Amino acid sequence: MCRSAHVRVGVRRPGSGASRGRPTGPPGRETHHVPHSYPHPHPQPCRRPDGAGHRCRRAGPRGAHGRRAGLRRCPVRRRLRSEGREGHDGRAARPASVSGKARVSYAFSPDDEIWFTVDARAKPYSRPLPGTKAPDGLPTDAVGTIHYSHRVAATGVVYNAVAEVDCLSTGGPVATVTAVVTTSDIGNANERIGLSVYQGRGRDGDRLGFSWGVANLDMGPDQQPYQPVVGTCMAPAPFAPVLRGGFSVHHVELEAPKTPGR
């Protein structure tokens, strides 16, 4: 048994409270002397499948004078919360995401002004693939948009493109995103592009990589090089440092398939 605490219950009666030498609550409330056990005699089970078999124990009172008792920081819940996975239905309470706007420095065009705006959110198993081993879709399915612009310093011409996100994968502060171009000034509509994002820590600034910024080549049957299609969630390392702005990466572990055995 821990030391008892004062908890406000019931309706205040004349002659109670301070007249009896006890701490009082606000008008209309009476303070009673109620003992509490520690730990709580009825532990609360973790709500997530990951916490199966683990029971979170309710903390005792934080102090006297009617302070509200709260849940002790359960390490399992703390881990799930940090990963954004404390939902009630087995899904992440907050999906994986990448967002932000930044200007990057491109080594091959150091004077050009290149901006990327990213707004991508995971939406697992939202793009069905009938007739494949993943009929319900992929855990990396995602939605959102990417906008990028490139102002050529020598001419002042600005090129723009907008793409629809179709895939997102995260790992700590790093993410890869792919999207299919919907509108473009450079004639690459309907092509998939790939971005990688690194959210820096402290003095280590953000970085971004884009699939057309480095060689994406393969050799054909005739041994001639060609540019292959960018696959979903495929992107180079984030090679370009951010000059202005920045990105935020929210990591969530991949969700298991909906269909057992898939």
Protein backbone atom coordinates (compact mmCIF):
# COMPACT_ATOMS: atom_id res chain seq x y z
CA MET A 1 0.00 0.00 0.00
CA CYS A 2 1.27 3.44 -0.89
CA ARG A 3 0.57 6.51 1.10
CA SER A 4 -3.00 7.62 0.76
CA ALA A 5 -4.15 10.58 -1.27
CA HIS A 6 -7.05 12.97 -1.13
CA VAL A 7 -9.53 12.56 -3.96
CA ARG A 8 -12.46 14.89 -4.53
CA VAL A 9 -15.73 12.96 -4.68
CA GLY A 10 -19.37 13.57 -3.84
CA VAL A 11 -21.07 16.84 -2.95
CA ARG A 12 -19.74 19.22 -0.38
CA ARG A 13 -21.64 19.13 2.92
CA PRO A 14 -21.73 21.79 5.62
CA GLY A 15 -19.07 21.25 8.24
CA SER A 16 -16.82 19.19 5.98
CA GLY A 17 -13.43 20.12 4.57
CA ALA A 18 -11.41 22.79 6.33
CA SER A 19 -13.61 22.68 9.46
CA ARG A 20 -12.42 19.10 9.97
CA GLY A 21 -8.81 19.88 9.23
CA ARG A 22 -8.76 18.36 5.72
CA PRO A 23 -7.78 19.97 2.41
CA THR A 24 -10.78 21.27 0.53
CA GLY A 25 -11.71 21.23 -3.12
CA PRO A 26 -13.55 23.89 -5.12
CA PRO A 27 -17.05 25.00 -4.06
CA GLY A 28 -19.64 22.28 -4.46
CA ARG A 29 -17.07 19.49 -4.04
CA GLU A 30 -15.95 17.66 -0.93
CA THR A 31 -12.53 16.16 -0.28
CA HIS A 32 -12.49 12.66 1.15
CA HIS A 33 -9.55 10.65 2.42
CA VAL A 34 -9.44 7.60 0.12
CA PRO A 35 -6.55 5.09 0.13
CA HIS A 36 -5.22 3.72 -3.17
CA SER A 37 -3.23 0.58 -3.84
CA TYR A 38 -0.10 0.57 -5.98
CA PRO A 39 0.18 -0.95 -8.49
CA HIS A 40 -3.43 -0.94 -9.57
CA PRO A 41 -5.11 -4.28 -8.75
CA HIS A 42 -6.57 -4.48 -12.28
CA PRO A 43 -3.78 -3.88 -14.84
CA GLN A 44 -4.84 -2.48 -18.20
CA PRO A 45 -3.96 -4.72 -21.20
CA CYS A 46 -2.17 -3.12 -24.12
CA ARG A 47 -4.61 -2.32 -26.90
CA ARG A 48 -2.23 -3.23 -29.69
CA PRO A 49 -1.51 -6.76 -30.98
CA ASP A 50 2.19 -5.96 -30.55
CA GLY A 51 1.58 -5.67 -26.81
CA ALA A 52 -0.17 -9.05 -26.51
CA GLY A 53 0.63 -10.65 -23.16
CA HIS A 54 1.82 -7.38 -21.70
CA ARG A 55 -0.30 -5.56 -19.15
CA CYS A 56 0.20 -1.88 -18.41
CA ARG A 57 -0.23 -1.09 -14.73
CA ARG A 58 -2.03 2.01 -13.61
CA ALA A 59 0.09 4.29 -11.48
CA GLY A 60 -0.96 5.28 -8.00
CA PRO A 61 -1.81 8.88 -7.07
CA ARG A 62 0.78 11.48 -7.97
CA GLY A 63 0.33 13.21 -4.65
CA ALA A 64 -2.13 14.38 -2.06
CA HIS A 65 -4.75 17.11 -2.34
CA GLY A 66 -6.79 15.43 -5.03
CA ARG A 67 -4.27 15.25 -7.90
CA ARG A 68 -5.50 13.11 -10.74
CA ALA A 69 -3.99 9.64 -11.01
CA GLY A 70 -2.56 8.78 -14.42
CA LEU A 71 -1.08 5.89 -16.39
CA ARG A 72 2.55 5.19 -15.80
CA ARG A 73 4.62 5.43 -18.98
CA CYS A 74 4.39 1.84 -20.21
CA PRO A 75 7.52 1.01 -22.29
CA VAL A 76 5.45 -0.95 -24.83
CA ARG A 77 2.97 1.89 -25.32
CA ARG A 78 5.82 4.39 -25.41
CA ARG A 79 7.50 2.46 -28.21
CA LEU A 80 4.27 2.11 -30.18
CA ARG A 81 3.49 5.79 -29.69
CA SER A 82 6.93 6.81 -30.94
CA GLU A 83 6.30 4.73 -34.06
CA GLY A 84 2.81 6.15 -34.51
CA ARG A 85 1.26 2.70 -34.04
CA GLU A 86 -1.13 3.09 -31.13
CA GLY A 87 -4.37 2.86 -33.12
CA HIS A 88 -7.38 0.84 -31.98
CA ASP A 89 -7.88 -1.11 -35.23
CA GLY A 90 -4.34 -2.41 -35.71
CA ARG A 91 -3.43 0.48 -38.03
CA ALA A 92 -1.07 3.30 -37.28
CA ALA A 93 -2.64 6.11 -35.29
CA ARG A 94 -0.69 8.41 -37.59
CA PRO A 95 0.48 7.13 -40.99
CA ALA A 96 3.99 7.49 -42.30
CA SER A 97 4.48 10.78 -44.08
CA VAL A 98 6.90 13.18 -45.70
CA SER A 99 6.17 16.87 -46.04
CA GLY A 100 7.97 20.13 -46.63
CA LYS A 101 9.35 22.55 -49.17
CA ALA A 102 12.99 23.26 -49.86
CA ARG A 103 15.52 24.56 -52.33
CA VAL A 104 18.35 22.14 -53.01
CA SER A 105 21.88 22.53 -54.29
CA TYR A 106 22.57 20.46 -57.41
CA ALA A 107 26.28 19.90 -58.07
CA PHE A 108 25.89 19.96 -61.86
CA SER A 109 23.89 23.22 -61.86
CA PRO A 110 25.12 25.12 -58.79
CA ASP A 111 23.69 28.47 -59.95
CA ASP A 112 20.23 27.17 -60.84
CA GLU A 113 17.30 27.49 -58.43
CA ILE A 114 15.66 24.12 -57.83
CA TRP A 115 12.70 23.72 -55.46
CA PHE A 116 10.78 20.66 -54.31
CA THR A 117 7.46 20.60 -52.46
CA VAL A 118 6.47 17.21 -51.05
CA ASP A 119 3.24 16.16 -49.38
CA ALA A 120 3.07 12.36 -49.18
CA ARG A 121 1.09 10.16 -46.76
CA ALA A 122 1.07 6.38 -46.49
CA LYS A 123 -2.20 4.62 -47.28
CA PRO A 124 -1.36 0.91 -47.06
CA TYR A 125 -3.17 -1.57 -49.29
CA SER A 126 -5.15 1.09 -51.09
CA ARG A 127 -4.07 0.16 -54.64
CA PRO A 128 -5.30 -3.38 -55.39
CA LEU A 129 -3.23 -5.53 -57.75
CA PRO A 130 -5.59 -8.30 -58.97
CA GLY A 131 -3.95 -11.43 -60.31
CA THR A 132 -0.69 -10.87 -58.41
CA LYS A 133 0.76 -12.10 -55.14
CA ALA A 134 -0.42 -8.82 -53.60
CA PRO A 135 -4.10 -8.62 -54.58
CA ASP A 136 -4.86 -6.13 -51.81
CA GLY A 137 -2.01 -3.83 -52.78
CA LEU A 138 1.26 -3.01 -51.04
CA PRO A 139 2.11 -1.77 -47.54
CA THR A 140 3.91 1.13 -49.22
CA ASP A 141 0.87 2.44 -51.11
CA ALA A 142 0.57 6.18 -50.62
CA VAL A 143 -1.20 9.34 -51.72
CA GLY A 144 -0.18 12.97 -52.10
CA THR A 145 1.54 15.31 -54.52
CA ILE A 146 5.02 16.46 -55.48
CA HIS A 147 5.76 19.75 -57.17
CA TYR A 148 9.18 20.73 -58.40
CA SER A 149 10.52 23.71 -60.31
CA HIS A 150 13.86 24.45 -61.94
CA ARG A 151 14.92 27.98 -62.82
CA VAL A 152 17.88 28.04 -65.20
CA ALA A 153 20.22 30.81 -64.12
CA ALA A 154 21.65 31.39 -67.60
CA THR A 155 18.29 32.02 -69.29
CA GLY A 156 15.86 32.75 -66.46
CA VAL A 157 13.46 30.12 -67.82
CA VAL A 158 11.49 28.22 -65.18
CA TYR A 159 10.32 24.64 -65.68
CA ASN A 160 7.59 23.12 -63.51
CA ALA A 161 6.10 19.70 -62.99
CA VAL A 162 3.49 18.13 -60.72
CA ALA A 163 3.28 14.43 -59.88
CA GLU A 164 0.83 12.20 -58.00
CA VAL A 165 2.38 10.08 -55.22
CA ASP A 166 1.94 6.31 -55.50
CA CYS A 167 4.49 4.89 -53.05
CA LEU A 168 6.16 5.85 -49.76
CA SER A 169 8.63 3.97 -47.58
CA THR A 170 10.34 5.27 -44.46
CA GLY A 171 13.22 4.23 -42.24
CA GLY A 172 13.96 6.52 -39.34
CA PRO A 173 14.76 9.99 -40.73
CA VAL A 174 14.96 8.72 -44.33
CA ALA A 175 12.16 8.19 -46.84
CA THR A 176 11.76 7.30 -50.49
CA VAL A 177 8.78 8.53 -52.49
CA THR A 178 7.71 7.87 -56.05
CA ALA A 179 5.08 9.68 -58.05
CA VAL A 180 3.69 9.71 -61.59
CA VAL A 181 4.01 13.04 -63.41
CA THR A 182 0.64 14.53 -64.33
CA THR A 183 1.64 17.92 -65.74
CA SER A 184 5.05 19.02 -66.94
CA ASP A 185 6.82 21.70 -68.95
CA ILE A 186 9.51 19.31 -70.15
CA GLY A 187 7.39 16.61 -71.77
CA ASN A 188 7.76 13.79 -69.22
CA ALA A 189 4.08 13.40 -68.33
CA ASN A 190 3.02 9.89 -67.24
CA GLU A 191 6.55 9.02 -66.18
CA ARG A 192 7.34 7.91 -62.65
CA ILE A 193 9.92 9.87 -60.71
CA GLY A 194 11.65 8.92 -57.48
CA LEU A 195 12.72 11.11 -54.56
CA SER A 196 14.64 10.35 -51.39
CA VAL A 197 14.43 12.61 -48.35
CA TYR A 198 16.65 12.81 -45.31
CA GLN A 199 15.54 14.84 -42.29
CA GLY A 200 18.72 16.09 -40.68
CA ARG A 201 19.42 16.36 -36.99
CA GLY A 202 21.24 19.26 -35.35
CA ARG A 203 24.01 20.56 -37.60
CA ASP A 204 23.39 17.74 -40.06
CA GLY A 205 21.00 19.45 -42.49
CA ASP A 206 18.24 17.98 -44.64
CA ARG A 207 19.02 16.39 -47.98
CA LEU A 208 17.10 15.24 -51.06
CA GLY A 209 17.81 13.01 -54.03
CA PHE A 210 15.92 12.77 -57.34
CA SER A 211 15.98 9.96 -59.86
CA TRP A 212 16.85 12.04 -62.92
CA GLY A 213 19.69 13.86 -61.17
CA VAL A 214 22.09 10.90 -61.39
CA ALA A 215 22.58 8.17 -63.97
CA ASN A 216 19.62 5.76 -64.08
CA LEU A 217 20.84 3.48 -66.85
CA ASP A 218 20.66 -0.15 -67.86
CA MET A 219 22.00 -2.19 -70.77
CA GLY A 220 19.61 -3.60 -73.35
CA PRO A 221 19.92 -6.91 -75.23
CA ASP A 222 21.92 -5.08 -77.90
CA GLN A 223 24.31 -3.88 -75.17
CA GLN A 224 23.19 -0.30 -75.69
CA PRO A 225 22.46 1.82 -72.61
CA TYR A 226 18.91 3.02 -72.01
CA GLN A 227 16.98 4.71 -69.19
CA PRO A 228 14.73 2.16 -67.45
CA VAL A 229 11.40 2.87 -65.79
CA VAL A 230 11.59 3.96 -62.16
CA GLY A 231 9.98 1.32 -59.94
CA THR A 232 7.69 2.14 -57.03
CA CYS A 233 9.54 3.52 -54.00
CA MET A 234 12.85 3.41 -55.88
CA ALA A 235 15.12 6.47 -55.59
CA PRO A 236 18.83 7.30 -55.28
CA ALA A 237 20.43 8.35 -52.03
CA PRO A 238 19.67 11.94 -50.92
CA PHE A 239 22.73 13.50 -52.56
CA ALA A 240 21.60 17.15 -52.75
CA PRO A 241 21.88 19.32 -49.61
CA VAL A 242 19.01 21.63 -48.72
CA LEU A 243 19.82 25.35 -48.92
CA ARG A 244 16.49 26.80 -47.74
CA GLY A 245 13.40 25.27 -46.18
CA GLY A 246 13.31 21.68 -45.04
CA PHE A 247 11.46 18.40 -44.80
CA SER A 248 9.80 16.37 -42.06
CA VAL A 249 9.83 12.56 -42.13
CA HIS A 250 7.46 10.59 -39.90
CA HIS A 251 8.47 6.94 -39.77
CA VAL A 252 6.04 4.06 -39.20
CA GLU A 253 6.84 0.34 -39.46
CA LEU A 254 5.34 -1.50 -42.42
CA GLU A 255 1.86 -2.92 -41.87
CA ALA A 256 1.34 -6.66 -42.24
CA PRO A 257 -0.76 -7.86 -45.21
CA LYS A 258 -4.51 -7.97 -44.81
CA THR A 259 -4.84 -11.39 -46.43
CA PRO A 260 -3.26 -14.18 -44.31
CA GLY A 261 -0.42 -15.95 -46.03
CA ARG A 262 0.15 -13.21 -48.57
